[in-house]
N, C-alpha and C. Protein backbone atom coordinates (compact mmCIF):
# COMPACT_ATOMS: atom_id res chain seq x y z
N MET A 1 -28.98 79.85 -46.96
CA MET A 1 -27.88 78.94 -46.72
C MET A 1 -27.54 78.24 -48.03
N SER A 2 -26.28 78.22 -48.42
CA SER A 2 -25.88 77.59 -49.67
C SER A 2 -25.91 76.07 -49.54
N ALA A 3 -25.98 75.40 -50.68
CA ALA A 3 -26.01 73.94 -50.67
C ALA A 3 -24.75 73.37 -50.03
N ALA A 4 -23.62 74.06 -50.19
CA ALA A 4 -22.37 73.56 -49.63
C ALA A 4 -22.40 73.56 -48.11
N HIS A 5 -23.26 74.39 -47.53
CA HIS A 5 -23.31 74.48 -46.07
C HIS A 5 -24.64 74.03 -45.50
N SER A 6 -25.52 73.49 -46.32
CA SER A 6 -26.81 73.02 -45.85
C SER A 6 -26.62 71.76 -45.02
N PRO A 7 -27.17 71.73 -43.80
CA PRO A 7 -27.04 70.51 -42.99
C PRO A 7 -27.64 69.29 -43.67
N THR A 8 -28.62 69.50 -44.54
CA THR A 8 -29.25 68.35 -45.19
C THR A 8 -28.42 67.80 -46.34
N LEU A 9 -27.41 68.53 -46.79
CA LEU A 9 -26.54 68.05 -47.86
C LEU A 9 -25.11 67.82 -47.38
N ASP A 10 -24.87 68.00 -46.12
CA ASP A 10 -23.53 67.85 -45.55
C ASP A 10 -23.18 66.37 -45.44
N PRO A 11 -22.18 65.90 -46.19
CA PRO A 11 -21.87 64.47 -46.15
C PRO A 11 -21.44 64.00 -44.76
N GLU A 12 -20.86 64.87 -43.95
CA GLU A 12 -20.47 64.47 -42.59
C GLU A 12 -21.71 64.08 -41.79
N ARG A 13 -22.73 64.91 -41.85
CA ARG A 13 -23.97 64.64 -41.11
C ARG A 13 -24.72 63.45 -41.72
N ILE A 14 -24.76 63.39 -43.04
CA ILE A 14 -25.48 62.30 -43.69
C ILE A 14 -24.88 60.95 -43.31
N VAL A 15 -23.57 60.83 -43.38
CA VAL A 15 -22.92 59.55 -43.11
C VAL A 15 -23.11 59.14 -41.66
N LEU A 16 -22.77 60.01 -40.73
CA LEU A 16 -22.88 59.62 -39.32
C LEU A 16 -24.34 59.49 -38.90
N GLY A 17 -25.21 60.35 -39.44
CA GLY A 17 -26.63 60.23 -39.13
C GLY A 17 -27.20 58.90 -39.60
N THR A 18 -26.81 58.48 -40.78
CA THR A 18 -27.27 57.19 -41.30
C THR A 18 -26.76 56.04 -40.44
N LEU A 19 -25.51 56.13 -40.02
CA LEU A 19 -24.94 55.05 -39.21
C LEU A 19 -25.56 55.00 -37.81
N MET A 20 -26.16 56.10 -37.36
CA MET A 20 -26.87 56.09 -36.08
C MET A 20 -28.13 55.22 -36.16
N TRP A 21 -28.67 55.06 -37.35
CA TRP A 21 -29.85 54.21 -37.54
C TRP A 21 -29.48 52.75 -37.74
N ALA A 22 -28.22 52.49 -38.03
CA ALA A 22 -27.75 51.12 -38.28
C ALA A 22 -27.46 50.41 -36.96
N THR A 23 -27.45 49.10 -37.02
CA THR A 23 -26.99 48.35 -35.85
C THR A 23 -25.47 48.49 -35.79
N PRO A 24 -24.88 48.28 -34.63
CA PRO A 24 -23.41 48.35 -34.56
C PRO A 24 -22.72 47.41 -35.55
N ASP A 25 -23.27 46.22 -35.74
CA ASP A 25 -22.66 45.30 -36.71
C ASP A 25 -22.75 45.82 -38.13
N GLN A 26 -23.85 46.50 -38.47
CA GLN A 26 -23.99 47.09 -39.80
C GLN A 26 -23.06 48.29 -39.96
N ALA A 27 -22.88 49.05 -38.90
CA ALA A 27 -22.08 50.27 -38.95
C ALA A 27 -20.57 50.01 -38.95
N ARG A 28 -20.15 48.93 -38.33
CA ARG A 28 -18.71 48.66 -38.14
C ARG A 28 -17.89 48.77 -39.42
N PRO A 29 -18.24 48.10 -40.52
CA PRO A 29 -17.39 48.21 -41.72
C PRO A 29 -17.37 49.62 -42.32
N HIS A 30 -18.46 50.34 -42.18
CA HIS A 30 -18.51 51.70 -42.70
C HIS A 30 -17.66 52.64 -41.85
N LEU A 31 -17.73 52.48 -40.54
CA LEU A 31 -16.92 53.32 -39.65
C LEU A 31 -15.43 53.07 -39.87
N SER A 32 -15.08 51.84 -40.21
CA SER A 32 -13.66 51.53 -40.41
C SER A 32 -13.08 52.26 -41.63
N ARG A 33 -13.93 52.70 -42.55
CA ARG A 33 -13.46 53.44 -43.73
C ARG A 33 -13.21 54.91 -43.45
N LEU A 34 -13.73 55.39 -42.31
CA LEU A 34 -13.67 56.82 -42.02
C LEU A 34 -12.44 57.17 -41.19
N ASP A 35 -11.99 58.38 -41.40
CA ASP A 35 -10.83 58.90 -40.69
C ASP A 35 -11.23 60.24 -40.08
N PRO A 36 -10.76 60.56 -38.88
CA PRO A 36 -11.11 61.87 -38.30
C PRO A 36 -10.76 63.04 -39.23
N GLY A 37 -9.73 62.89 -40.04
CA GLY A 37 -9.33 63.94 -40.97
C GLY A 37 -10.32 64.17 -42.09
N ASP A 38 -11.29 63.26 -42.26
CA ASP A 38 -12.32 63.44 -43.27
C ASP A 38 -13.33 64.52 -42.85
N PHE A 39 -13.33 64.86 -41.58
CA PHE A 39 -14.34 65.75 -41.02
C PHE A 39 -13.75 67.13 -40.76
N THR A 40 -14.43 68.15 -41.28
CA THR A 40 -13.99 69.53 -41.00
C THR A 40 -14.61 70.04 -39.71
N ASP A 41 -15.78 69.53 -39.38
CA ASP A 41 -16.50 69.98 -38.19
C ASP A 41 -16.01 69.17 -36.99
N PRO A 42 -15.50 69.84 -35.96
CA PRO A 42 -15.01 69.10 -34.79
C PRO A 42 -16.10 68.26 -34.13
N ARG A 43 -17.35 68.68 -34.27
CA ARG A 43 -18.45 67.88 -33.70
C ARG A 43 -18.59 66.56 -34.46
N GLY A 44 -18.34 66.57 -35.75
CA GLY A 44 -18.36 65.33 -36.53
C GLY A 44 -17.23 64.41 -36.11
N ARG A 45 -16.04 64.99 -35.89
CA ARG A 45 -14.91 64.18 -35.41
C ARG A 45 -15.21 63.58 -34.04
N GLU A 46 -15.84 64.37 -33.16
CA GLU A 46 -16.20 63.87 -31.83
C GLU A 46 -17.26 62.77 -31.94
N ALA A 47 -18.25 62.96 -32.78
CA ALA A 47 -19.29 61.94 -32.96
C ALA A 47 -18.68 60.66 -33.53
N LEU A 48 -17.76 60.79 -34.47
CA LEU A 48 -17.07 59.62 -35.03
C LEU A 48 -16.31 58.88 -33.94
N ALA A 49 -15.60 59.62 -33.09
CA ALA A 49 -14.84 58.99 -32.00
C ALA A 49 -15.76 58.24 -31.04
N VAL A 50 -16.89 58.85 -30.70
CA VAL A 50 -17.84 58.21 -29.79
C VAL A 50 -18.42 56.95 -30.43
N MET A 51 -18.81 57.06 -31.71
CA MET A 51 -19.36 55.88 -32.39
C MET A 51 -18.34 54.75 -32.46
N SER A 52 -17.11 55.09 -32.74
CA SER A 52 -16.05 54.07 -32.80
C SER A 52 -15.85 53.42 -31.44
N ASP A 53 -15.87 54.22 -30.37
CA ASP A 53 -15.77 53.67 -29.01
C ASP A 53 -16.93 52.73 -28.71
N LEU A 54 -18.13 53.17 -29.07
CA LEU A 54 -19.31 52.36 -28.78
C LEU A 54 -19.31 51.04 -29.54
N ILE A 55 -18.81 51.05 -30.75
CA ILE A 55 -18.73 49.80 -31.53
C ILE A 55 -17.89 48.78 -30.75
N ASP A 56 -16.82 49.25 -30.13
CA ASP A 56 -15.94 48.36 -29.38
C ASP A 56 -16.56 47.86 -28.08
N THR A 57 -17.54 48.60 -27.53
CA THR A 57 -18.15 48.19 -26.26
C THR A 57 -19.36 47.29 -26.45
N ARG A 58 -19.72 47.05 -27.70
CA ARG A 58 -20.81 46.14 -28.04
C ARG A 58 -22.18 46.61 -27.54
N VAL A 59 -22.45 47.90 -27.63
CA VAL A 59 -23.78 48.40 -27.30
C VAL A 59 -24.77 47.93 -28.36
N PRO A 60 -26.05 47.84 -28.03
CA PRO A 60 -27.02 47.37 -29.02
C PRO A 60 -27.45 48.43 -30.03
N SER A 61 -27.16 49.71 -29.76
CA SER A 61 -27.65 50.78 -30.62
C SER A 61 -26.67 51.94 -30.65
N LEU A 62 -26.66 52.65 -31.78
CA LEU A 62 -25.84 53.85 -31.92
C LEU A 62 -26.72 55.10 -31.99
N ASP A 63 -27.89 55.04 -31.37
CA ASP A 63 -28.83 56.15 -31.41
C ASP A 63 -28.26 57.38 -30.71
N PRO A 64 -28.82 58.57 -30.98
CA PRO A 64 -28.28 59.80 -30.40
C PRO A 64 -28.19 59.80 -28.87
N ALA A 65 -29.21 59.28 -28.19
CA ALA A 65 -29.18 59.28 -26.73
C ALA A 65 -28.02 58.44 -26.21
N THR A 66 -27.79 57.29 -26.84
CA THR A 66 -26.67 56.43 -26.42
C THR A 66 -25.34 57.12 -26.71
N LEU A 67 -25.21 57.71 -27.90
CA LEU A 67 -23.98 58.43 -28.25
C LEU A 67 -23.69 59.56 -27.26
N LEU A 68 -24.70 60.35 -26.98
CA LEU A 68 -24.49 61.52 -26.12
C LEU A 68 -24.24 61.12 -24.67
N THR A 69 -24.88 60.06 -24.20
CA THR A 69 -24.61 59.57 -22.85
C THR A 69 -23.16 59.10 -22.75
N HIS A 70 -22.71 58.39 -23.78
CA HIS A 70 -21.31 57.92 -23.79
C HIS A 70 -20.35 59.11 -23.86
N ALA A 71 -20.69 60.12 -24.66
CA ALA A 71 -19.84 61.32 -24.75
C ALA A 71 -19.77 62.03 -23.40
N GLN A 72 -20.90 62.13 -22.73
CA GLN A 72 -20.92 62.78 -21.41
C GLN A 72 -20.08 61.99 -20.41
N ARG A 73 -20.25 60.69 -20.39
CA ARG A 73 -19.46 59.86 -19.47
C ARG A 73 -17.97 59.91 -19.79
N GLY A 74 -17.66 60.12 -21.07
CA GLY A 74 -16.26 60.19 -21.50
C GLY A 74 -15.63 61.56 -21.32
N GLY A 75 -16.38 62.52 -20.78
CA GLY A 75 -15.83 63.84 -20.52
C GLY A 75 -15.81 64.78 -21.71
N MET A 76 -16.58 64.47 -22.76
CA MET A 76 -16.58 65.33 -23.94
C MET A 76 -17.38 66.62 -23.72
N PHE A 77 -18.25 66.63 -22.73
CA PHE A 77 -19.03 67.83 -22.42
C PHE A 77 -18.23 68.69 -21.45
N ARG A 78 -17.27 69.42 -21.99
CA ARG A 78 -16.37 70.23 -21.17
C ARG A 78 -17.11 71.39 -20.49
N ASP A 79 -18.17 71.85 -21.13
CA ASP A 79 -18.98 72.93 -20.58
C ASP A 79 -20.36 72.85 -21.22
N THR A 80 -21.26 73.69 -20.77
CA THR A 80 -22.63 73.67 -21.27
C THR A 80 -22.70 73.96 -22.76
N ASN A 81 -21.89 74.89 -23.24
CA ASN A 81 -21.91 75.24 -24.65
C ASN A 81 -21.46 74.05 -25.51
N THR A 82 -20.40 73.38 -25.12
CA THR A 82 -19.93 72.21 -25.86
C THR A 82 -21.00 71.13 -25.89
N ALA A 83 -21.64 70.90 -24.75
CA ALA A 83 -22.70 69.90 -24.68
C ALA A 83 -23.85 70.27 -25.62
N HIS A 84 -24.22 71.53 -25.62
CA HIS A 84 -25.32 72.00 -26.46
C HIS A 84 -24.96 71.84 -27.95
N LEU A 85 -23.75 72.24 -28.33
CA LEU A 85 -23.35 72.17 -29.74
C LEU A 85 -23.27 70.73 -30.23
N LEU A 86 -22.69 69.84 -29.44
CA LEU A 86 -22.58 68.44 -29.86
C LEU A 86 -23.96 67.79 -29.91
N THR A 87 -24.79 68.09 -28.92
CA THR A 87 -26.14 67.51 -28.90
C THR A 87 -26.92 67.94 -30.13
N GLY A 88 -26.89 69.23 -30.45
CA GLY A 88 -27.59 69.73 -31.64
C GLY A 88 -27.07 69.08 -32.91
N TRP A 89 -25.74 68.96 -33.02
CA TRP A 89 -25.15 68.38 -34.23
C TRP A 89 -25.58 66.91 -34.37
N VAL A 90 -25.53 66.15 -33.29
CA VAL A 90 -25.88 64.73 -33.34
C VAL A 90 -27.35 64.54 -33.75
N PHE A 91 -28.24 65.32 -33.16
CA PHE A 91 -29.65 65.18 -33.53
C PHE A 91 -29.92 65.67 -34.95
N ASP A 92 -29.23 66.72 -35.39
CA ASP A 92 -29.36 67.16 -36.78
C ASP A 92 -28.87 66.05 -37.73
N ALA A 93 -27.75 65.45 -37.40
CA ALA A 93 -27.21 64.36 -38.23
C ALA A 93 -28.20 63.20 -38.28
N HIS A 94 -28.75 62.84 -37.15
CA HIS A 94 -29.71 61.74 -37.07
C HIS A 94 -30.91 62.01 -37.99
N ALA A 95 -31.31 63.27 -38.06
CA ALA A 95 -32.47 63.65 -38.88
C ALA A 95 -32.15 63.68 -40.37
N THR A 96 -30.87 63.71 -40.75
CA THR A 96 -30.51 63.79 -42.18
C THR A 96 -30.11 62.43 -42.75
N ALA A 97 -30.41 61.38 -42.02
CA ALA A 97 -30.04 60.03 -42.46
C ALA A 97 -30.68 59.69 -43.80
N VAL A 98 -29.97 58.87 -44.55
CA VAL A 98 -30.46 58.33 -45.81
C VAL A 98 -30.55 56.81 -45.64
N PRO A 99 -31.19 56.11 -46.56
CA PRO A 99 -31.22 54.64 -46.43
C PRO A 99 -29.80 54.07 -46.38
N LEU A 100 -29.61 53.09 -45.53
CA LEU A 100 -28.29 52.48 -45.34
C LEU A 100 -27.71 51.94 -46.64
N VAL A 101 -28.56 51.55 -47.56
CA VAL A 101 -28.11 50.97 -48.82
C VAL A 101 -27.28 51.96 -49.64
N VAL A 102 -27.43 53.27 -49.43
CA VAL A 102 -26.66 54.26 -50.19
C VAL A 102 -25.57 54.93 -49.36
N VAL A 103 -25.31 54.44 -48.17
CA VAL A 103 -24.31 55.10 -47.32
C VAL A 103 -22.91 55.05 -47.95
N GLU A 104 -22.59 54.02 -48.69
CA GLU A 104 -21.26 53.95 -49.32
C GLU A 104 -21.05 55.10 -50.29
N PHE A 105 -22.09 55.47 -51.02
CA PHE A 105 -22.00 56.61 -51.92
C PHE A 105 -21.68 57.88 -51.13
N HIS A 106 -22.34 58.06 -50.01
CA HIS A 106 -22.13 59.26 -49.20
C HIS A 106 -20.79 59.23 -48.48
N ILE A 107 -20.31 58.06 -48.12
CA ILE A 107 -18.96 57.95 -47.56
C ILE A 107 -17.95 58.37 -48.61
N ALA A 108 -18.15 57.90 -49.84
CA ALA A 108 -17.24 58.30 -50.93
C ALA A 108 -17.30 59.81 -51.14
N ALA A 109 -18.49 60.39 -51.05
CA ALA A 109 -18.62 61.85 -51.19
C ALA A 109 -17.89 62.58 -50.05
N LEU A 110 -17.99 62.05 -48.85
CA LEU A 110 -17.29 62.64 -47.71
C LEU A 110 -15.78 62.58 -47.91
N ILE A 111 -15.29 61.43 -48.33
CA ILE A 111 -13.85 61.27 -48.57
C ILE A 111 -13.42 62.14 -49.76
N GLU A 112 -14.28 62.25 -50.77
CA GLU A 112 -13.96 63.11 -51.90
C GLU A 112 -13.84 64.56 -51.45
N THR A 113 -14.71 64.99 -50.56
CA THR A 113 -14.63 66.35 -50.04
C THR A 113 -13.31 66.56 -49.31
N ALA A 114 -12.90 65.57 -48.52
CA ALA A 114 -11.61 65.65 -47.83
C ALA A 114 -10.46 65.69 -48.84
N TYR A 115 -10.58 64.91 -49.91
CA TYR A 115 -9.58 64.89 -50.98
C TYR A 115 -9.47 66.27 -51.63
N ARG A 116 -10.61 66.87 -51.90
CA ARG A 116 -10.60 68.21 -52.52
C ARG A 116 -9.98 69.25 -51.58
N ARG A 117 -10.25 69.14 -50.28
CA ARG A 117 -9.61 70.04 -49.30
C ARG A 117 -8.10 69.83 -49.32
N ALA A 118 -7.68 68.56 -49.35
CA ALA A 118 -6.25 68.26 -49.38
C ALA A 118 -5.61 68.78 -50.66
N LEU A 119 -6.33 68.69 -51.78
CA LEU A 119 -5.81 69.20 -53.05
C LEU A 119 -5.64 70.71 -53.00
N THR A 120 -6.60 71.41 -52.40
CA THR A 120 -6.50 72.86 -52.26
C THR A 120 -5.31 73.23 -51.37
N ALA A 121 -5.15 72.50 -50.28
CA ALA A 121 -3.99 72.74 -49.40
C ALA A 121 -2.70 72.43 -50.14
N HIS A 122 -2.74 71.39 -50.97
CA HIS A 122 -1.57 71.00 -51.76
C HIS A 122 -1.17 72.12 -52.72
N ALA A 123 -2.16 72.74 -53.34
CA ALA A 123 -1.88 73.84 -54.28
C ALA A 123 -1.20 75.00 -53.55
N THR A 124 -1.68 75.32 -52.38
CA THR A 124 -1.06 76.38 -51.58
C THR A 124 0.36 75.98 -51.20
N ARG A 125 0.50 74.72 -50.81
CA ARG A 125 1.82 74.22 -50.39
C ARG A 125 2.80 74.23 -51.57
N LEU A 126 2.32 73.92 -52.78
CA LEU A 126 3.20 73.94 -53.95
C LEU A 126 3.83 75.32 -54.13
N ARG A 127 3.04 76.34 -53.94
CA ARG A 127 3.56 77.72 -54.07
C ARG A 127 4.65 77.96 -53.03
N GLN A 128 4.42 77.47 -51.81
CA GLN A 128 5.41 77.64 -50.75
C GLN A 128 6.66 76.82 -51.04
N ILE A 129 6.48 75.61 -51.55
CA ILE A 129 7.61 74.73 -51.86
C ILE A 129 8.49 75.35 -52.94
N ALA A 130 7.86 75.99 -53.91
CA ALA A 130 8.62 76.58 -55.02
C ALA A 130 9.64 77.60 -54.54
N ASP A 131 9.42 78.19 -53.40
CA ASP A 131 10.34 79.19 -52.86
C ASP A 131 11.44 78.61 -51.98
N MET A 132 11.45 77.31 -51.77
CA MET A 132 12.47 76.69 -50.92
C MET A 132 13.82 76.70 -51.63
N PRO A 133 14.87 76.98 -50.90
CA PRO A 133 16.19 77.05 -51.54
C PRO A 133 16.75 75.67 -51.93
N SER A 134 16.38 74.63 -51.22
CA SER A 134 16.95 73.31 -51.45
C SER A 134 16.04 72.44 -52.30
N LEU A 135 16.59 71.90 -53.40
CA LEU A 135 15.81 71.00 -54.25
C LEU A 135 15.44 69.73 -53.50
N ALA A 136 16.33 69.24 -52.67
CA ALA A 136 16.06 68.03 -51.90
C ALA A 136 14.88 68.26 -50.95
N GLU A 137 14.85 69.42 -50.32
CA GLU A 137 13.75 69.74 -49.42
C GLU A 137 12.45 69.88 -50.21
N MET A 138 12.51 70.49 -51.38
CA MET A 138 11.34 70.62 -52.23
C MET A 138 10.81 69.23 -52.61
N ASP A 139 11.73 68.35 -53.01
CA ASP A 139 11.33 66.99 -53.40
C ASP A 139 10.69 66.24 -52.25
N HIS A 140 11.26 66.40 -51.06
CA HIS A 140 10.73 65.72 -49.87
C HIS A 140 9.30 66.17 -49.59
N HIS A 141 9.07 67.47 -49.58
CA HIS A 141 7.73 68.00 -49.29
C HIS A 141 6.73 67.63 -50.39
N LEU A 142 7.17 67.67 -51.62
CA LEU A 142 6.31 67.32 -52.73
C LEU A 142 5.91 65.84 -52.67
N ALA A 143 6.85 64.98 -52.35
CA ALA A 143 6.56 63.54 -52.24
C ALA A 143 5.56 63.28 -51.12
N ALA A 144 5.72 63.96 -49.99
CA ALA A 144 4.80 63.78 -48.87
C ALA A 144 3.40 64.25 -49.24
N ALA A 145 3.30 65.39 -49.89
CA ALA A 145 1.99 65.91 -50.30
C ALA A 145 1.34 64.99 -51.32
N ASN A 146 2.12 64.50 -52.27
CA ASN A 146 1.57 63.58 -53.28
C ASN A 146 1.10 62.27 -52.65
N ALA A 147 1.81 61.79 -51.65
CA ALA A 147 1.41 60.56 -50.96
C ALA A 147 0.08 60.77 -50.23
N THR A 148 -0.11 61.92 -49.63
CA THR A 148 -1.37 62.24 -48.96
C THR A 148 -2.52 62.25 -49.96
N LEU A 149 -2.31 62.90 -51.09
CA LEU A 149 -3.34 62.94 -52.12
C LEU A 149 -3.65 61.54 -52.65
N ALA A 150 -2.63 60.73 -52.85
CA ALA A 150 -2.83 59.37 -53.36
C ALA A 150 -3.64 58.53 -52.37
N ARG A 151 -3.37 58.69 -51.07
CA ARG A 151 -4.14 57.95 -50.05
C ARG A 151 -5.61 58.35 -50.09
N HIS A 152 -5.88 59.65 -50.18
CA HIS A 152 -7.27 60.11 -50.27
C HIS A 152 -7.93 59.54 -51.52
N ARG A 153 -7.26 59.63 -52.65
CA ARG A 153 -7.84 59.19 -53.92
C ARG A 153 -8.13 57.70 -53.90
N ALA A 154 -7.25 56.92 -53.33
CA ALA A 154 -7.46 55.48 -53.27
C ALA A 154 -8.68 55.13 -52.41
N ARG A 155 -8.94 55.90 -51.38
CA ARG A 155 -10.10 55.65 -50.51
C ARG A 155 -11.41 56.01 -51.19
N ILE A 156 -11.38 56.88 -52.18
CA ILE A 156 -12.59 57.30 -52.88
C ILE A 156 -13.03 56.27 -53.89
N ASP A 157 -12.10 55.54 -54.44
CA ASP A 157 -12.36 54.68 -55.58
C ASP A 157 -13.28 53.51 -55.20
N THR A 158 -14.58 53.75 -55.30
CA THR A 158 -15.58 52.72 -55.02
C THR A 158 -16.43 52.51 -56.26
N PRO A 159 -17.04 51.36 -56.41
CA PRO A 159 -17.89 51.13 -57.59
C PRO A 159 -19.01 52.17 -57.72
N ALA A 160 -19.63 52.54 -56.60
CA ALA A 160 -20.73 53.51 -56.65
C ALA A 160 -20.25 54.86 -57.17
N LEU A 161 -19.11 55.31 -56.69
CA LEU A 161 -18.62 56.62 -57.13
C LEU A 161 -18.09 56.56 -58.56
N ARG A 162 -17.46 55.45 -58.95
CA ARG A 162 -17.00 55.32 -60.33
C ARG A 162 -18.18 55.41 -61.29
N ALA A 163 -19.28 54.75 -60.95
CA ALA A 163 -20.47 54.81 -61.82
C ALA A 163 -21.01 56.23 -61.89
N PHE A 164 -21.02 56.94 -60.77
CA PHE A 164 -21.49 58.32 -60.75
C PHE A 164 -20.57 59.20 -61.58
N ASP A 165 -19.25 59.03 -61.44
CA ASP A 165 -18.28 59.81 -62.21
C ASP A 165 -18.45 59.57 -63.70
N GLU A 166 -18.70 58.31 -64.09
CA GLU A 166 -18.87 57.99 -65.51
C GLU A 166 -20.12 58.64 -66.07
N ARG A 167 -21.19 58.68 -65.28
CA ARG A 167 -22.43 59.36 -65.73
C ARG A 167 -22.20 60.86 -65.82
N SER A 168 -21.44 61.43 -64.89
CA SER A 168 -21.20 62.86 -64.88
C SER A 168 -20.31 63.27 -66.06
N ALA A 169 -19.38 62.41 -66.46
CA ALA A 169 -18.45 62.73 -67.54
C ALA A 169 -19.12 62.64 -68.91
N ALA A 170 -20.19 61.87 -68.97
CA ALA A 170 -20.86 61.65 -70.27
C ALA A 170 -21.61 62.88 -70.74
């Protein structure tokens, strides 16, 4: 298994797994930085949705059993296979947690991964835009794509990631 696909290095699992160990009050500000579009794995998006719901209900814990019980009650277990896949993902994520003190770094890495995906999609879209007959239509699509990239980039800009980028550039 490559590092890019290793569950132990997957920022989606690391971030949500770490927040499962946090209290809801500790997790709330971190969850507010996340967007479902940051997650490529639908199970990560589902876990994020459940965690966000639970934060609003004031449960005392975001542990896997609480998350999965809430998911089941909310109808997320459409069939046995879905239940099995989400359950496995949640427990894998819980096992890949890192200390809460570094979760911001991993959130930035997760958002950076989403930014890089958006940039790749943007490159493909640029090729498609170049073939459009109307300059106004080209400008409109280009502005929308650039705005998406700018939103992603602004969300990445954290002190922890800036320090890491500066060390990497040196």
